[in-house]
């Protein structure tokens, strides 16, 4: 009998612990759902107001797809865009990788100049890095005016008077 009371007490303790652990987890899930609904409402409002770079139908479709991914906890907007760009440079050969990183991080040598133009809304950001290197001098001969062919006969003598 004493053994049954101890088992029953143990079950009650475990049940109470589970009961206390449940509501915070549920509250966190509710908070995540509220945040997801809020993000969807904002995305939808941006689509309706034309504050995106895409047409209304595409925007609404994308907002719905993002909402579905949020529900499945597969939408991650917390990554660094710069880190993502650097990761795209990793598989390139060493010479190309150095140029790729210079475009992302900016010029990393005194002989480099990086320019950025464009916008996301305009279709993309273009980055160009120019690397100036010195090589052996190149001599370029530009043909100029040559004095015509030499006369073969002497010019006529002026008339005498």
N, C-alpha and C. Protein backbone atom coordinates (compact mmCIF):
# COMPACT_ATOMS: atom_id res chain seq x y z
N UNK A 1 0.81 -1.19 0.00
CA UNK A 1 0.00 0.00 0.00
C UNK A 1 0.85 1.25 0.00
N UNK A 2 1.92 1.24 0.81
CA UNK A 2 2.81 2.38 0.89
C UNK A 2 3.47 2.62 -0.46
N UNK A 3 3.78 1.54 -1.13
CA UNK A 3 4.41 1.64 -2.45
C UNK A 3 3.45 2.29 -3.44
N UNK A 4 2.19 1.99 -3.40
CA UNK A 4 1.20 2.59 -4.30
C UNK A 4 1.02 4.07 -4.03
N UNK A 5 1.08 4.47 -2.79
CA UNK A 5 0.95 5.90 -2.45
C UNK A 5 2.16 6.66 -2.98
N UNK A 6 3.34 6.09 -2.86
CA UNK A 6 4.55 6.73 -3.37
C UNK A 6 4.47 6.87 -4.88
N UNK A 7 3.99 5.85 -5.57
CA UNK A 7 3.84 5.92 -7.03
C UNK A 7 2.82 6.97 -7.42
N UNK A 8 1.71 7.01 -6.66
CA UNK A 8 0.67 7.99 -6.93
C UNK A 8 1.19 9.40 -6.70
N UNK A 9 1.96 9.59 -5.65
CA UNK A 9 2.55 10.90 -5.36
C UNK A 9 3.50 11.30 -6.48
N UNK A 10 4.28 10.34 -6.94
CA UNK A 10 5.21 10.62 -8.05
C UNK A 10 4.47 11.04 -9.31
N UNK A 11 3.37 10.37 -9.60
CA UNK A 11 2.56 10.73 -10.77
C UNK A 11 1.97 12.12 -10.65
N UNK A 12 1.53 12.46 -9.46
CA UNK A 12 0.96 13.79 -9.23
C UNK A 12 2.03 14.86 -9.43
N UNK A 13 3.22 14.62 -8.91
CA UNK A 13 4.32 15.58 -9.06
C UNK A 13 4.66 15.76 -10.54
N UNK A 14 4.76 14.66 -11.28
CA UNK A 14 5.08 14.74 -12.71
C UNK A 14 3.96 15.46 -13.46
N UNK A 15 2.73 15.15 -13.12
CA UNK A 15 1.60 15.81 -13.76
C UNK A 15 1.58 17.30 -13.52
N UNK A 16 1.85 17.70 -12.28
CA UNK A 16 1.89 19.14 -11.96
C UNK A 16 3.02 19.82 -12.71
N UNK A 17 4.18 19.17 -12.77
CA UNK A 17 5.31 19.76 -13.48
C UNK A 17 4.97 19.94 -14.95
N UNK A 18 4.32 18.95 -15.52
CA UNK A 18 3.92 19.05 -16.94
C UNK A 18 2.89 20.15 -17.11
N UNK A 19 2.00 20.28 -16.17
CA UNK A 19 0.98 21.33 -16.25
C UNK A 19 1.59 22.72 -16.19
N UNK A 20 2.61 22.89 -15.35
CA UNK A 20 3.25 24.20 -15.26
C UNK A 20 4.12 24.49 -16.47
N UNK A 21 4.67 23.46 -17.09
CA UNK A 21 5.53 23.66 -18.25
C UNK A 21 4.72 23.94 -19.51
N UNK A 22 3.50 23.47 -19.55
CA UNK A 22 2.68 23.61 -20.75
C UNK A 22 2.30 25.03 -21.11
N UNK A 23 1.74 25.81 -20.22
CA UNK A 23 1.28 27.15 -20.61
C UNK A 23 2.35 28.06 -21.19
N UNK A 24 3.59 28.13 -20.65
CA UNK A 24 4.58 28.99 -21.29
C UNK A 24 4.90 28.56 -22.73
N UNK A 25 4.96 27.26 -22.97
CA UNK A 25 5.22 26.80 -24.33
C UNK A 25 4.07 27.20 -25.23
N UNK A 26 2.86 27.06 -24.73
CA UNK A 26 1.69 27.45 -25.50
C UNK A 26 1.68 28.96 -25.73
N UNK A 27 2.07 29.71 -24.70
CA UNK A 27 2.11 31.16 -24.83
C UNK A 27 3.14 31.59 -25.85
N UNK A 28 4.28 30.91 -25.88
CA UNK A 28 5.32 31.24 -26.87
C UNK A 28 4.82 30.95 -28.27
N UNK A 29 4.12 29.81 -28.43
CA UNK A 29 3.57 29.46 -29.73
C UNK A 29 2.52 30.49 -30.15
N UNK A 30 1.70 30.93 -29.21
CA UNK A 30 0.69 31.95 -29.51
C UNK A 30 1.35 33.26 -29.91
N UNK A 31 2.43 33.62 -29.24
CA UNK A 31 3.15 34.85 -29.58
C UNK A 31 3.73 34.74 -30.99
N UNK A 32 4.26 33.57 -31.35
CA UNK A 32 4.81 33.38 -32.69
C UNK A 32 3.71 33.47 -33.73
N UNK A 33 2.54 32.90 -33.43
CA UNK A 33 1.42 32.98 -34.37
C UNK A 33 0.96 34.42 -34.54
N UNK A 34 0.92 35.17 -33.45
CA UNK A 34 0.51 36.57 -33.52
C UNK A 34 1.51 37.37 -34.36
N UNK A 35 2.81 37.11 -34.16
CA UNK A 35 3.83 37.81 -34.94
C UNK A 35 3.71 37.44 -36.41
N UNK A 36 3.42 36.17 -36.71
CA UNK A 36 3.28 35.74 -38.09
C UNK A 36 2.08 36.41 -38.75
N UNK A 37 0.96 36.50 -38.02
CA UNK A 37 -0.23 37.17 -38.56
C UNK A 37 0.05 38.65 -38.79
N UNK A 38 0.79 39.26 -37.88
CA UNK A 38 1.13 40.67 -38.01
C UNK A 38 2.02 40.90 -39.24
N UNK A 39 3.00 40.02 -39.43
CA UNK A 39 3.90 40.14 -40.59
C UNK A 39 3.11 39.97 -41.89
N UNK A 40 2.18 39.02 -41.91
CA UNK A 40 1.36 38.80 -43.10
C UNK A 40 0.49 40.02 -43.38
N UNK A 41 -0.09 40.59 -42.33
CA UNK A 41 -0.94 41.78 -42.51
C UNK A 41 -0.11 42.93 -43.08
N UNK A 42 1.12 43.10 -42.60
CA UNK A 42 1.98 44.17 -43.11
C UNK A 42 2.35 43.91 -44.57
N UNK A 43 2.73 42.65 -44.88
CA UNK A 43 3.07 42.30 -46.26
C UNK A 43 1.90 42.58 -47.19
N UNK A 44 0.71 42.19 -46.76
CA UNK A 44 -0.49 42.38 -47.58
C UNK A 44 -0.80 43.87 -47.77
N UNK A 45 -0.64 44.65 -46.71
CA UNK A 45 -0.88 46.09 -46.80
C UNK A 45 0.12 46.74 -47.77
N UNK A 46 1.37 46.29 -47.73
CA UNK A 46 2.38 46.81 -48.65
C UNK A 46 2.01 46.48 -50.10
N UNK A 47 1.48 45.27 -50.31
CA UNK A 47 1.05 44.88 -51.66
C UNK A 47 -0.10 45.76 -52.14
N UNK A 48 -1.07 45.96 -51.28
CA UNK A 48 -2.26 46.74 -51.64
C UNK A 48 -1.89 48.19 -51.92
N UNK A 49 -0.91 48.72 -51.19
CA UNK A 49 -0.52 50.13 -51.35
C UNK A 49 0.49 50.33 -52.48
N UNK A 50 1.00 49.24 -53.06
CA UNK A 50 1.97 49.36 -54.14
C UNK A 50 3.36 49.75 -53.67
N UNK A 51 3.70 49.40 -52.43
CA UNK A 51 5.01 49.75 -51.88
C UNK A 51 6.06 48.67 -52.14
N UNK A 52 5.81 47.79 -53.10
CA UNK A 52 6.78 46.75 -53.43
C UNK A 52 7.20 46.91 -54.89
N UNK A 53 8.21 46.16 -55.28
CA UNK A 53 8.72 46.26 -56.65
C UNK A 53 8.02 45.30 -57.61
N UNK A 54 7.00 44.60 -57.13
CA UNK A 54 6.32 43.65 -57.99
C UNK A 54 4.85 44.01 -58.14
N UNK A 55 4.20 43.42 -59.14
CA UNK A 55 2.79 43.74 -59.35
C UNK A 55 1.96 43.17 -58.20
N UNK A 56 0.74 43.66 -58.05
CA UNK A 56 -0.12 43.33 -56.91
C UNK A 56 -0.36 41.82 -56.80
N UNK A 57 -0.70 41.16 -57.91
CA UNK A 57 -1.02 39.73 -57.86
C UNK A 57 0.18 38.91 -57.40
N UNK A 58 1.36 39.21 -57.95
CA UNK A 58 2.57 38.49 -57.55
C UNK A 58 2.89 38.76 -56.09
N UNK A 59 2.74 40.00 -55.68
CA UNK A 59 3.03 40.38 -54.30
C UNK A 59 2.14 39.62 -53.32
N UNK A 60 0.84 39.57 -53.62
CA UNK A 60 -0.08 38.86 -52.74
C UNK A 60 0.23 37.36 -52.70
N UNK A 61 0.62 36.81 -53.83
CA UNK A 61 0.99 35.39 -53.89
C UNK A 61 2.22 35.13 -53.02
N UNK A 62 3.22 36.01 -53.13
CA UNK A 62 4.44 35.87 -52.33
C UNK A 62 4.16 36.04 -50.84
N UNK A 63 3.29 36.99 -50.51
CA UNK A 63 2.94 37.20 -49.10
C UNK A 63 2.27 35.95 -48.52
N UNK A 64 1.38 35.33 -49.30
CA UNK A 64 0.73 34.10 -48.85
C UNK A 64 1.73 32.96 -48.70
N UNK A 65 2.66 32.84 -49.64
CA UNK A 65 3.67 31.79 -49.56
C UNK A 65 4.56 32.00 -48.33
N UNK A 66 4.91 33.24 -48.05
CA UNK A 66 5.73 33.54 -46.88
C UNK A 66 4.96 33.19 -45.60
N UNK A 67 3.66 33.46 -45.58
CA UNK A 67 2.83 33.12 -44.42
C UNK A 67 2.83 31.61 -44.19
N UNK A 68 2.69 30.84 -45.25
CA UNK A 68 2.70 29.38 -45.11
C UNK A 68 4.05 28.89 -44.57
N UNK A 69 5.14 29.47 -45.05
CA UNK A 69 6.47 29.08 -44.57
C UNK A 69 6.66 29.47 -43.11
N UNK A 70 6.09 30.61 -42.69
CA UNK A 70 6.17 31.01 -41.28
C UNK A 70 5.45 29.99 -40.41
N UNK A 71 4.29 29.51 -40.87
CA UNK A 71 3.53 28.52 -40.10
C UNK A 71 4.34 27.24 -39.91
N UNK A 72 5.14 26.89 -40.89
CA UNK A 72 5.96 25.68 -40.82
C UNK A 72 7.32 25.94 -40.18
N UNK A 73 7.54 27.18 -39.74
CA UNK A 73 8.81 27.59 -39.11
C UNK A 73 9.99 27.38 -40.04
N UNK A 74 9.77 27.65 -41.34
CA UNK A 74 10.85 27.48 -42.32
C UNK A 74 11.23 28.80 -42.98
N UNK A 75 10.71 29.90 -42.49
CA UNK A 75 11.05 31.19 -43.09
C UNK A 75 12.07 31.86 -42.18
N UNK A 76 13.26 32.06 -42.71
CA UNK A 76 14.34 32.66 -41.92
C UNK A 76 14.78 33.94 -42.59
N UNK A 77 14.41 35.05 -42.01
CA UNK A 77 14.82 36.35 -42.52
C UNK A 77 15.89 36.98 -41.63
N UNK A 78 16.52 36.18 -40.81
CA UNK A 78 17.46 36.73 -39.85
C UNK A 78 18.91 36.61 -40.29
N UNK A 79 19.17 36.02 -41.46
CA UNK A 79 20.53 35.87 -41.94
C UNK A 79 21.09 37.21 -42.43
N UNK A 80 22.38 37.30 -42.45
CA UNK A 80 23.06 38.50 -42.92
C UNK A 80 23.16 38.45 -44.44
N UNK A 81 22.70 39.49 -45.11
CA UNK A 81 22.79 39.51 -46.56
C UNK A 81 24.25 39.54 -47.01
N UNK A 82 25.09 40.22 -46.26
CA UNK A 82 26.51 40.26 -46.63
C UNK A 82 27.13 38.87 -46.47
N UNK A 83 26.78 38.15 -45.40
CA UNK A 83 27.32 36.80 -45.21
C UNK A 83 26.84 35.88 -46.32
N UNK A 84 25.58 36.04 -46.75
CA UNK A 84 25.07 35.24 -47.85
C UNK A 84 25.86 35.51 -49.13
N UNK A 85 26.18 36.77 -49.38
CA UNK A 85 26.95 37.13 -50.57
C UNK A 85 28.37 36.54 -50.50
N UNK A 86 28.97 36.60 -49.34
CA UNK A 86 30.32 36.04 -49.16
C UNK A 86 30.28 34.52 -49.37
N UNK A 87 29.23 33.87 -48.88
CA UNK A 87 29.10 32.42 -49.07
C UNK A 87 29.00 32.06 -50.54
N UNK A 88 28.40 32.93 -51.35
CA UNK A 88 28.30 32.65 -52.79
C UNK A 88 29.66 32.75 -53.47
N UNK A 89 30.62 33.44 -52.88
CA UNK A 89 31.97 33.55 -53.46
C UNK A 89 32.82 32.32 -53.17
N UNK A 90 32.48 31.55 -52.14
CA UNK A 90 33.32 30.43 -51.68
C UNK A 90 33.65 29.39 -52.74
N UNK A 91 32.71 28.94 -53.58
CA UNK A 91 33.06 27.86 -54.52
C UNK A 91 33.89 28.30 -55.72
N UNK A 92 34.17 29.57 -55.86
CA UNK A 92 34.90 30.06 -57.03
C UNK A 92 36.39 29.74 -56.94
N UNK A 93 37.07 29.68 -58.09
CA UNK A 93 38.54 29.49 -58.08
C UNK A 93 39.20 30.66 -57.36
N UNK A 94 40.41 30.47 -56.82
CA UNK A 94 41.06 31.49 -56.00
C UNK A 94 41.11 32.90 -56.61
N UNK A 95 41.51 33.03 -57.89
CA UNK A 95 41.58 34.37 -58.49
C UNK A 95 40.21 35.01 -58.59
N UNK A 96 39.21 34.24 -59.01
CA UNK A 96 37.86 34.76 -59.13
C UNK A 96 37.26 35.04 -57.75
N UNK A 97 37.62 34.22 -56.76
CA UNK A 97 37.10 34.40 -55.41
C UNK A 97 37.57 35.73 -54.83
N UNK A 98 38.84 36.09 -55.07
CA UNK A 98 39.37 37.37 -54.58
C UNK A 98 38.62 38.54 -55.20
N UNK A 99 38.33 38.45 -56.50
CA UNK A 99 37.58 39.51 -57.17
C UNK A 99 36.15 39.58 -56.64
N UNK A 100 35.54 38.42 -56.43
CA UNK A 100 34.17 38.36 -55.91
C UNK A 100 34.09 39.01 -54.53
N UNK A 101 35.03 38.66 -53.66
CA UNK A 101 35.04 39.25 -52.32
C UNK A 101 35.27 40.76 -52.37
N UNK A 102 36.09 41.22 -53.31
CA UNK A 102 36.34 42.66 -53.45
C UNK A 102 35.06 43.38 -53.84
N UNK A 103 34.23 42.75 -54.68
CA UNK A 103 32.96 43.37 -55.06
C UNK A 103 32.00 43.46 -53.87
N UNK A 104 32.02 42.46 -53.01
CA UNK A 104 31.10 42.42 -51.88
C UNK A 104 31.59 43.29 -50.72
N UNK A 105 32.86 43.14 -50.37
CA UNK A 105 33.40 43.82 -49.20
C UNK A 105 33.99 45.19 -49.52
N UNK A 106 34.16 45.50 -50.78
CA UNK A 106 34.80 46.75 -51.17
C UNK A 106 36.25 46.49 -51.51
N UNK A 107 36.88 47.50 -52.08
CA UNK A 107 38.27 47.37 -52.50
C UNK A 107 39.13 46.99 -51.30
N UNK A 108 40.00 45.99 -51.49
CA UNK A 108 40.87 45.57 -50.39
C UNK A 108 42.34 45.73 -50.74
N UNK A 109 42.63 46.45 -51.80
CA UNK A 109 44.01 46.73 -52.19
C UNK A 109 44.06 48.15 -52.75
N UNK A 110 45.22 48.81 -52.66
CA UNK A 110 45.31 50.19 -53.14
C UNK A 110 45.07 50.33 -54.65
N UNK A 111 45.25 49.25 -55.41
CA UNK A 111 45.08 49.34 -56.86
C UNK A 111 43.67 48.93 -57.30
N UNK A 112 42.73 48.85 -56.34
CA UNK A 112 41.36 48.47 -56.67
C UNK A 112 40.39 49.62 -56.41
N UNK A 113 39.35 49.66 -57.23
CA UNK A 113 38.29 50.64 -57.05
C UNK A 113 36.96 49.92 -57.28
N UNK A 114 36.06 49.99 -56.29
CA UNK A 114 34.77 49.32 -56.40
C UNK A 114 33.67 50.37 -56.50
N UNK A 115 32.78 50.19 -57.49
CA UNK A 115 31.63 51.08 -57.63
C UNK A 115 30.36 50.24 -57.53
N UNK A 116 29.32 50.85 -56.97
CA UNK A 116 28.04 50.18 -56.81
C UNK A 116 26.97 51.06 -57.42
N UNK A 117 26.05 50.44 -58.16
CA UNK A 117 24.95 51.21 -58.76
C UNK A 117 23.70 50.33 -58.77
N UNK A 118 22.57 50.96 -59.01
CA UNK A 118 21.31 50.23 -59.09
C UNK A 118 20.63 50.13 -57.74
N UNK A 119 19.49 49.42 -57.72
CA UNK A 119 18.74 49.23 -56.50
C UNK A 119 17.96 47.92 -56.60
N UNK A 120 17.53 47.43 -55.47
CA UNK A 120 16.74 46.21 -55.46
C UNK A 120 15.43 46.45 -56.20
N UNK A 121 14.80 47.60 -55.93
CA UNK A 121 13.54 47.92 -56.59
C UNK A 121 13.72 48.06 -58.10
N UNK A 122 14.89 48.49 -58.52
CA UNK A 122 15.16 48.67 -59.94
C UNK A 122 15.60 47.39 -60.64
N UNK A 123 15.69 46.30 -59.92
CA UNK A 123 16.05 45.04 -60.56
C UNK A 123 17.34 44.43 -60.07
N UNK A 124 18.13 45.17 -59.31
CA UNK A 124 19.34 44.59 -58.77
C UNK A 124 20.41 45.62 -58.49
N UNK A 125 21.33 45.25 -57.65
CA UNK A 125 22.46 46.11 -57.30
C UNK A 125 23.67 45.57 -58.07
N UNK A 126 24.30 46.44 -58.83
CA UNK A 126 25.46 46.06 -59.63
C UNK A 126 26.73 46.57 -58.95
N UNK A 127 27.68 45.67 -58.78
CA UNK A 127 28.96 46.05 -58.17
C UNK A 127 30.05 45.74 -59.18
N UNK A 128 30.96 46.69 -59.35
CA UNK A 128 32.06 46.51 -60.29
C UNK A 128 33.35 46.88 -59.58
N UNK A 129 34.33 46.00 -59.68
CA UNK A 129 35.64 46.28 -59.11
C UNK A 129 36.65 46.32 -60.25
N UNK A 130 37.39 47.42 -60.30
CA UNK A 130 38.44 47.59 -61.31
C UNK A 130 39.78 47.44 -60.59
N UNK A 131 40.62 46.54 -61.10
CA UNK A 131 41.95 46.34 -60.53
C UNK A 131 42.97 46.79 -61.57
N UNK A 132 43.78 47.77 -61.21
CA UNK A 132 44.79 48.30 -62.11
C UNK A 132 46.10 47.58 -61.84
N UNK A 133 46.69 47.00 -62.89
CA UNK A 133 47.97 46.33 -62.75
C UNK A 133 48.96 46.93 -63.75
N UNK A 134 50.23 46.89 -63.39
CA UNK A 134 51.25 47.41 -64.28
C UNK A 134 51.99 46.24 -64.91
N UNK A 135 52.21 46.36 -66.20
CA UNK A 135 52.95 45.35 -66.94
C UNK A 135 54.07 46.03 -67.69
N UNK A 136 54.72 45.28 -68.57
CA UNK A 136 55.78 45.92 -69.36
C UNK A 136 55.17 46.97 -70.28
N UNK A 137 55.92 48.05 -70.55
CA UNK A 137 55.37 49.10 -71.41
C UNK A 137 55.12 48.58 -72.82
N UNK A 138 54.10 49.09 -73.43
CA UNK A 138 53.77 48.71 -74.80
C UNK A 138 54.04 49.91 -75.69
N UNK A 139 54.78 49.69 -76.75
CA UNK A 139 55.09 50.78 -77.68
C UNK A 139 54.12 50.68 -78.84
N UNK A 140 53.45 51.77 -79.08
CA UNK A 140 52.49 51.82 -80.18
C UNK A 140 53.00 52.83 -81.19
N UNK A 141 53.16 52.40 -82.43
CA UNK A 141 53.62 53.30 -83.50
C UNK A 141 52.39 53.71 -84.30
N UNK A 142 52.15 54.98 -84.30
CA UNK A 142 51.01 55.51 -85.04
C UNK A 142 51.54 56.04 -86.36
N UNK A 143 51.03 55.50 -87.46
CA UNK A 143 51.53 56.01 -88.75
C UNK A 143 51.10 57.47 -88.92
N UNK A 144 52.06 58.28 -89.36
CA UNK A 144 51.77 59.70 -89.56
C UNK A 144 51.79 60.04 -91.04
N UNK A 145 51.71 61.31 -91.36
CA UNK A 145 51.78 61.74 -92.76
C UNK A 145 53.21 61.54 -93.24
N UNK A 146 53.34 60.82 -94.34
CA UNK A 146 54.67 60.63 -94.90
C UNK A 146 54.82 61.61 -96.06
N UNK A 147 56.03 62.05 -96.31
CA UNK A 147 56.21 63.03 -97.39
C UNK A 147 55.96 62.38 -98.73
N UNK A 148 55.31 62.03 -99.38
CA UNK A 148 55.04 61.40 -100.67
C UNK A 148 56.29 60.81 -101.31
N UNK A 149 56.16 60.18 -102.46
CA UNK A 149 57.32 59.57 -103.11
C UNK A 149 58.26 60.64 -103.67
N UNK A 150 59.52 60.30 -103.69
CA UNK A 150 60.52 61.24 -104.21
C UNK A 150 60.32 61.39 -105.72
N UNK A 151 60.48 62.63 -106.23
CA UNK A 151 60.32 62.83 -107.69
C UNK A 151 61.41 62.09 -108.45
N UNK A 152 61.08 61.54 -109.57
CA UNK A 152 62.05 60.81 -110.39
C UNK A 152 62.66 61.71 -111.47
N UNK A 153 61.97 62.73 -111.86
CA UNK A 153 62.51 63.66 -112.86
C UNK A 153 62.67 65.02 -112.21
N UNK A 154 63.67 65.75 -112.62
CA UNK A 154 63.83 67.07 -112.01
C UNK A 154 62.68 67.98 -112.43
N UNK A 155 62.31 68.88 -111.57
CA UNK A 155 61.22 69.81 -111.94
C UNK A 155 61.64 70.68 -113.12
N UNK A 156 60.68 71.10 -113.92
CA UNK A 156 61.06 71.94 -115.07
C UNK A 156 61.70 73.25 -114.64
N UNK A 157 62.59 73.72 -115.45
CA UNK A 157 63.29 74.97 -115.14
C UNK A 157 62.34 76.14 -115.41
N UNK A 158 62.46 77.17 -114.62
CA UNK A 158 61.60 78.33 -114.85
C UNK A 158 61.97 78.98 -116.21
N UNK A 159 61.01 79.51 -116.91
CA UNK A 159 61.31 80.16 -118.22
C UNK A 159 62.26 81.35 -118.06
N UNK A 160 63.19 81.48 -118.94
CA UNK A 160 64.09 82.61 -118.84
C UNK A 160 63.56 83.80 -119.65
N UNK A 161 63.94 84.98 -119.40
CA UNK A 161 63.45 86.17 -120.06
C UNK A 161 64.50 87.00 -120.57
